[in-house]
Amino acid sequence: MTSKPDRTPLIGQVVNDFATGRIGKVMDKVGPRYQLRRLDGGREWEAKGDSLEVVTPLRCDYIARLKAERRKAVEEGRTDAAHFLTVAICRHLRVMHP
């Protein structure tokens, strides 16, 4: 009798959710479903384990620059600029690194 391998090692991994076409980080497992969150934060969603595949995030100099600018804006209390940069990061990730 063969049992399915335990997939809890996915917690903390970056995965591609083929069912939704989104990339996210596995935050937890509740029953048979996994809780995922976008890499830039935001609301979690649920996914079945058979629709997930571990991916290696791309290192992107543009994203690194945007994140540094956002960090500086947050430290300086410029919330509008920080929000704008967060949106720019999300758009870049969605378009350039699907």
Protein backbone atom coordinates (compact mmCIF):
# COMPACT_ATOMS: atom_id res chain seq x y z
CA MET A 1 0.00 0.00 0.00
CA THR A 2 1.51 3.31 -1.11
CA SER A 3 0.59 6.58 0.55
CA LYS A 4 0.79 10.03 -0.98
CA PRO A 5 3.88 12.01 0.05
CA ASP A 6 3.30 14.76 2.59
CA ARG A 7 3.20 18.11 0.76
CA THR A 8 3.57 20.31 3.84
CA PRO A 9 7.17 21.06 2.79
CA LEU A 10 5.51 23.52 0.40
CA ILE A 11 4.94 25.93 3.29
CA GLY A 12 7.24 28.90 2.76
CA GLN A 13 7.87 28.04 -0.90
CA VAL A 14 7.07 30.26 -3.88
CA VAL A 15 4.67 28.40 -6.17
CA ASN A 16 2.77 28.82 -9.40
CA ASP A 17 -0.95 28.15 -8.94
CA PHE A 18 -1.97 26.80 -12.34
CA ALA A 19 -5.66 26.90 -11.43
CA THR A 20 -5.63 30.70 -11.07
CA GLY A 21 -2.52 31.61 -13.06
CA ARG A 22 -1.02 33.41 -10.06
CA ILE A 23 2.31 33.11 -8.31
CA GLY A 24 2.36 33.23 -4.54
CA LYS A 25 4.03 32.11 -1.35
CA VAL A 26 2.53 29.17 0.53
CA MET A 27 1.63 30.46 3.98
CA ASP A 28 -0.14 27.45 5.51
CA LYS A 29 -2.06 24.26 4.83
CA VAL A 30 -5.60 23.84 6.14
CA GLY A 31 -7.00 20.38 5.46
CA PRO A 32 -6.36 19.49 1.82
CA ARG A 33 -5.95 23.11 0.68
CA TYR A 34 -3.03 25.51 0.81
CA GLN A 35 -3.19 29.19 1.76
CA LEU A 36 -1.21 31.36 -0.68
CA ARG A 37 -0.33 35.06 -0.64
CA ARG A 38 1.04 37.26 -3.43
CA LEU A 39 4.76 37.93 -3.22
CA ASP A 40 4.15 41.62 -2.64
CA GLY A 41 1.62 40.91 0.11
CA GLY A 42 -2.10 41.21 -0.02
CA ARG A 43 -5.01 38.92 0.56
CA GLU A 44 -4.53 35.15 0.72
CA TRP A 45 -6.29 32.67 -1.52
CA GLU A 46 -6.78 28.92 -1.32
CA ALA A 47 -5.42 26.37 -3.76
CA LYS A 48 -5.46 22.63 -4.19
CA GLY A 49 -2.08 20.96 -3.85
CA ASP A 50 -2.28 19.33 -7.28
CA SER A 51 -2.43 22.74 -8.99
CA LEU A 52 0.81 24.01 -7.40
CA GLU A 53 4.36 23.87 -8.70
CA VAL A 54 7.41 25.28 -6.92
CA VAL A 55 9.12 28.07 -8.86
CA THR A 56 12.31 30.01 -8.39
CA PRO A 57 11.59 33.75 -8.36
CA LEU A 58 13.48 35.72 -10.94
CA ARG A 59 16.01 38.23 -9.70
CA CYS A 60 15.07 41.51 -11.31
CA ASP A 61 17.13 44.67 -10.96
CA TYR A 62 14.11 46.83 -11.81
CA ILE A 63 12.09 45.33 -8.95
CA ALA A 64 15.05 45.75 -6.61
CA ARG A 65 15.22 49.47 -7.47
CA LEU A 66 11.46 49.93 -7.03
CA LYS A 67 11.57 48.18 -3.64
CA ALA A 68 14.47 50.38 -2.50
CA GLU A 69 12.56 53.50 -3.54
CA ARG A 70 9.42 52.24 -1.78
CA ARG A 71 11.38 51.50 1.42
CA LYS A 72 12.81 55.04 1.34
CA ALA A 73 9.35 56.54 0.76
CA VAL A 74 7.94 54.59 3.73
CA GLU A 75 10.81 55.71 5.97
CA GLU A 76 10.21 59.33 4.94
CA GLY A 77 6.47 59.05 5.54
CA ARG A 78 5.54 59.61 1.89
CA THR A 79 2.58 57.21 1.85
CA ASP A 80 1.26 58.27 -1.57
CA ALA A 81 4.64 57.58 -3.18
CA ALA A 82 4.93 54.27 -1.33
CA HIS A 83 1.49 53.24 -2.59
CA PHE A 84 2.34 54.25 -6.16
CA LEU A 85 5.57 52.21 -6.01
CA THR A 86 3.71 49.18 -4.61
CA VAL A 87 1.29 49.35 -7.55
CA ALA A 88 4.23 49.67 -9.97
CA ILE A 89 5.88 46.58 -8.44
CA CYS A 90 2.64 44.58 -8.73
CA ARG A 91 2.14 45.59 -12.35
CA HIS A 92 5.72 44.75 -13.25
CA LEU A 93 5.47 41.33 -11.59
CA ARG A 94 2.17 40.58 -13.30
CA VAL A 95 3.32 41.65 -16.77
CA MET A 96 7.01 40.77 -16.85
CA HIS A 97 7.15 37.76 -14.51
CA PRO A 98 3.87 35.87 -14.91
